[in-house]
Protein backbone atom coordinates (compact mmCIF):
# COMPACT_ATOMS: atom_id res chain seq x y z
CA UNK A 1 -12.43 6.78 0.17
CA UNK A 2 -14.81 6.62 3.26
CA UNK A 3 -17.22 3.96 4.68
CA UNK A 4 -17.64 2.18 1.39
CA UNK A 5 -17.89 -1.44 0.57
CA UNK A 6 -15.13 -1.16 -2.01
CA UNK A 7 -17.47 -2.37 -4.76
CA UNK A 8 -19.29 -0.18 -7.37
CA UNK A 9 -21.13 -0.97 -10.61
CA UNK A 10 -21.01 0.73 -14.03
CA UNK A 11 -24.39 1.06 -15.58
CA UNK A 12 -24.61 -0.72 -18.94
CA UNK A 13 -26.29 -3.85 -20.31
CA UNK A 14 -23.72 -6.02 -18.50
CA UNK A 15 -22.85 -4.38 -15.10
CA UNK A 16 -19.22 -4.76 -14.40
CA UNK A 17 -18.05 -4.94 -10.80
CA UNK A 18 -15.27 -2.49 -9.87
CA UNK A 19 -13.30 -2.48 -6.74
CA UNK A 20 -11.48 0.47 -5.12
CA UNK A 21 -8.33 -0.13 -3.24
CA UNK A 22 -5.74 1.93 -1.34
CA UNK A 23 -2.06 1.19 -2.20
CA UNK A 24 1.18 2.20 -0.77
CA UNK A 25 3.92 2.88 -3.28
CA UNK A 26 7.64 3.08 -2.60
CA UNK A 27 11.10 2.80 -4.28
CA UNK A 28 14.70 3.17 -2.96
CA UNK A 29 16.60 1.92 -6.02
CA UNK A 30 17.18 3.17 -9.57
CA UNK A 31 15.71 1.21 -12.47
CA UNK A 32 17.42 1.54 -15.79
CA UNK A 33 18.86 4.91 -14.91
CA UNK A 34 15.56 6.30 -13.37
CA UNK A 35 15.36 7.33 -9.83
CA UNK A 36 12.67 6.38 -7.30
CA UNK A 37 10.35 9.28 -8.03
CA UNK A 38 10.33 8.50 -11.77
CA UNK A 39 9.84 4.83 -11.04
CA UNK A 40 6.68 5.66 -9.00
CA UNK A 41 5.36 7.74 -11.86
CA UNK A 42 6.06 4.92 -14.28
CA UNK A 43 4.37 2.38 -11.92
CA UNK A 44 1.05 4.29 -11.84
CA UNK A 45 1.21 4.98 -15.59
CA UNK A 46 1.61 1.28 -16.29
CA UNK A 47 -1.39 0.45 -14.00
CA UNK A 48 -3.40 2.93 -16.09
CA UNK A 49 -2.44 0.99 -19.29
CA UNK A 50 -3.69 -2.15 -17.50
CA UNK A 51 -7.13 -0.72 -17.01
CA UNK A 52 -6.69 0.81 -13.58
CA UNK A 53 -8.11 4.17 -12.83
CA UNK A 54 -5.88 6.38 -10.46
CA UNK A 55 -8.52 8.24 -8.30
CA UNK A 56 -6.13 10.03 -5.95
CA UNK A 57 -2.49 10.19 -5.40
CA UNK A 58 -0.50 11.59 -2.48
CA UNK A 59 2.53 13.74 -2.37
CA UNK A 60 5.91 11.94 -2.32
CA UNK A 61 7.71 11.54 0.96
CA UNK A 62 11.31 10.67 1.82
CA UNK A 63 11.60 8.16 4.58
CA UNK A 64 14.39 6.00 6.00
CA UNK A 65 14.46 2.43 4.99
CA UNK A 66 12.83 0.01 7.31
CA UNK A 67 14.21 -1.65 9.33
CA UNK A 68 17.02 0.88 9.96
CA UNK A 69 20.09 0.22 7.87
CA UNK A 70 18.24 -1.87 5.38
CA UNK A 71 19.24 0.35 2.42
CA UNK A 72 19.02 3.87 1.03
CA UNK A 73 16.12 6.16 1.93
CA UNK A 74 12.80 5.39 0.25
CA UNK A 75 10.59 7.65 -1.77
CA UNK A 76 7.01 6.72 -0.47
CA UNK A 77 3.45 7.64 -1.43
CA UNK A 78 0.02 6.28 -1.65
CA UNK A 79 -2.82 6.18 -4.16
CA UNK A 80 -6.55 5.19 -4.47
CA UNK A 81 -6.94 2.92 -7.50
CA UNK A 82 -9.89 1.30 -9.12
CA UNK A 83 -10.20 -1.72 -11.43
CA UNK A 84 -12.42 -4.51 -12.44
CA UNK A 85 -12.16 -7.92 -10.89
CA UNK A 86 -11.57 -8.96 -7.39
CA UNK A 87 -8.87 -8.32 -4.85
CA UNK A 88 -6.73 -11.15 -5.97
CA UNK A 89 -6.69 -9.99 -9.54
CA UNK A 90 -5.70 -6.48 -8.28
CA UNK A 91 -2.90 -7.98 -6.31
CA UNK A 92 -1.56 -10.07 -9.17
CA UNK A 93 -1.60 -6.90 -11.33
CA UNK A 94 0.39 -4.99 -8.70
CA UNK A 95 2.91 -7.81 -8.54
CA UNK A 96 3.21 -7.88 -12.37
CA UNK A 97 4.00 -4.14 -12.44
CA UNK A 98 6.52 -4.58 -9.71
CA UNK A 99 8.29 -7.23 -11.85
CA UNK A 100 8.10 -5.13 -14.90
CA UNK A 101 10.02 -2.36 -13.16
CA UNK A 102 12.67 -4.63 -11.86
CA UNK A 103 11.39 -5.74 -8.43
CA UNK A 104 12.89 -8.98 -7.11
CA UNK A 105 11.99 -10.70 -3.92
CA UNK A 106 15.39 -12.08 -2.78
CA UNK A 107 15.35 -10.43 0.72
CA UNK A 108 12.42 -9.55 3.02
CA UNK A 109 12.47 -5.74 3.59
CA UNK A 110 15.47 -5.43 1.35
CA UNK A 111 16.17 -2.55 -1.02
CA UNK A 112 13.92 -2.62 -4.13
CA UNK A 113 13.06 -0.69 -7.29
CA UNK A 114 9.43 -0.77 -6.55
CA UNK A 115 6.96 -1.69 -3.79
CA UNK A 116 3.14 -1.66 -4.51
CA UNK A 117 1.45 -2.75 -1.33
CA UNK A 118 -2.30 -3.39 -1.22
CA UNK A 119 -3.19 -1.64 1.99
CA UNK A 120 -7.03 -1.85 2.00
CA UNK A 121 -9.98 -2.56 -0.18
CA UNK A 122 -12.98 -0.77 1.31
CA UNK A 123 -14.13 -2.62 4.44
CA UNK A 124 -12.89 -6.08 3.46
CA UNK A 125 -11.18 -8.22 6.03
CA UNK A 126 -9.18 -11.07 4.56
CA UNK A 127 -8.98 -13.97 5.01
CA UNK A 128 -10.73 -13.56 8.33
CA UNK A 129 -10.62 -11.55 11.60
CA UNK A 130 -8.76 -14.25 13.66
CA UNK A 131 -6.05 -14.72 11.03
CA UNK A 132 -5.71 -10.94 10.66
CA UNK A 133 -5.33 -10.54 14.45
CA UNK A 134 -2.53 -13.24 14.42
CA UNK A 135 -0.44 -11.26 11.89
CA UNK A 136 -1.16 -7.93 13.62
CA UNK A 137 0.11 -9.25 16.85
CA UNK A 138 3.20 -10.99 15.38
CA UNK A 139 6.44 -9.77 17.23
CA UNK A 140 8.92 -7.72 15.24
CA UNK A 141 11.62 -10.52 15.21
CA UNK A 142 9.26 -12.95 13.73
CA UNK A 143 8.08 -10.37 11.12
CA UNK A 144 11.48 -10.33 9.68
CA UNK A 145 11.24 -13.82 8.38
CA UNK A 146 7.58 -14.81 8.40
CA UNK A 147 5.58 -14.12 5.27
CA UNK A 148 1.77 -14.59 5.26
CA UNK A 149 0.91 -17.48 2.92
CA UNK A 150 -2.23 -15.58 1.72
CA UNK A 151 -3.47 -12.01 1.20
CA UNK A 152 -4.05 -10.18 4.42
CA UNK A 153 -6.37 -7.16 4.42
CA UNK A 154 -6.07 -4.46 5.67
CA UNK A 155 -2.34 -4.50 5.76
CA UNK A 156 -1.54 -5.87 9.22
CA UNK A 157 1.32 -3.30 9.91
CA UNK A 158 -0.75 -0.33 8.77
CA UNK A 159 -1.26 1.25 12.17
CA UNK A 160 2.47 1.23 13.05
CA UNK A 161 4.00 2.85 10.00
CA UNK A 162 4.43 6.55 9.62
CA UNK A 163 5.74 6.12 5.99
CA UNK A 164 2.39 4.62 5.12
CA UNK A 165 -0.03 6.70 7.21
CA UNK A 166 1.53 10.09 6.25
CA UNK A 167 0.80 9.59 2.51
CA UNK A 168 -2.70 8.15 3.32
CA UNK A 169 -3.55 11.41 5.20
CA UNK A 170 -3.37 13.05 1.75
CA UNK A 171 -5.75 10.71 0.03
CA UNK A 172 -7.90 8.81 2.49
CA UNK A 173 -7.85 10.41 6.04
CA UNK A 174 -11.48 9.33 6.76
CA UNK A 175 -11.12 5.68 5.78
CA UNK A 176 -11.59 3.58 8.87
CA UNK A 177 -10.16 0.19 9.80
CA UNK A 178 -12.81 -2.46 9.57
CA UNK A 179 -11.66 -4.17 12.82
CA UNK A 180 -10.54 -1.44 15.13
CA UNK A 181 -12.81 1.37 13.78
CA UNK A 182 -10.02 3.84 13.89
CA UNK A 183 -9.67 6.27 10.91
CA UNK A 184 -6.40 7.11 9.15
CA UNK A 185 -6.42 10.35 10.86
CA UNK A 186 -6.76 8.67 14.24
CA UNK A 187 -4.03 6.21 13.56
CA UNK A 188 -1.73 8.93 12.43
CA UNK A 189 -2.32 11.13 15.47
CA UNK A 190 -1.68 8.12 17.68
CA UNK A 191 1.76 7.52 16.19
CA UNK A 192 4.80 8.29 18.41
CA UNK A 193 6.80 11.22 17.26
CA UNK A 194 9.73 9.03 16.40
CA UNK A 195 7.61 7.29 13.72
CA UNK A 196 7.04 10.63 11.91
CA UNK A 197 10.33 12.55 12.66
CA UNK A 198 12.10 11.38 9.45
CA UNK A 199 9.06 11.42 7.09
CA UNK A 200 9.74 14.38 4.91
CA UNK A 201 7.59 15.84 2.12
CA UNK A 202 9.55 16.10 -1.11
């Protein structure tokens, strides 16, 4: 996914808007006897039954839980997905699949069966540049308890997280951040070695 608006149309009598999004996927708990890798496979399969097209999928990576000590190691990946509707519909569908596969939201950054994070949709900035900057600049201690009341796009922590950027290098290395102009490749290269040391391809 490169410098696209995130919106395409299907040619027929009634054109249908489709949006293309980048998601991060992760799991560090078993669900009904299935391990994290199988849970991630199941999540994408369920999205397909809900009308999503999985355009690209990364390899799986093993990464430590964030923050350190928050639970077992994660299996993380990423995918480019496409669906009809708008970004809020896409987010609602991601949350529904999380719930279907046992996700509960009792503790911020706690262990979980499934995490489907909407990272970006084309060059959209939501809700606006000023609000986005506020959440990007939020100190780590505040991040542990503060939850945005609305969808923030692109994901405000994108540039800091090796466990997100490593999978994105597989599927969207040339996607550029609409506010900073930096590509995934550039963000990845700028990460300190500590952020990538424990990100291991499975």
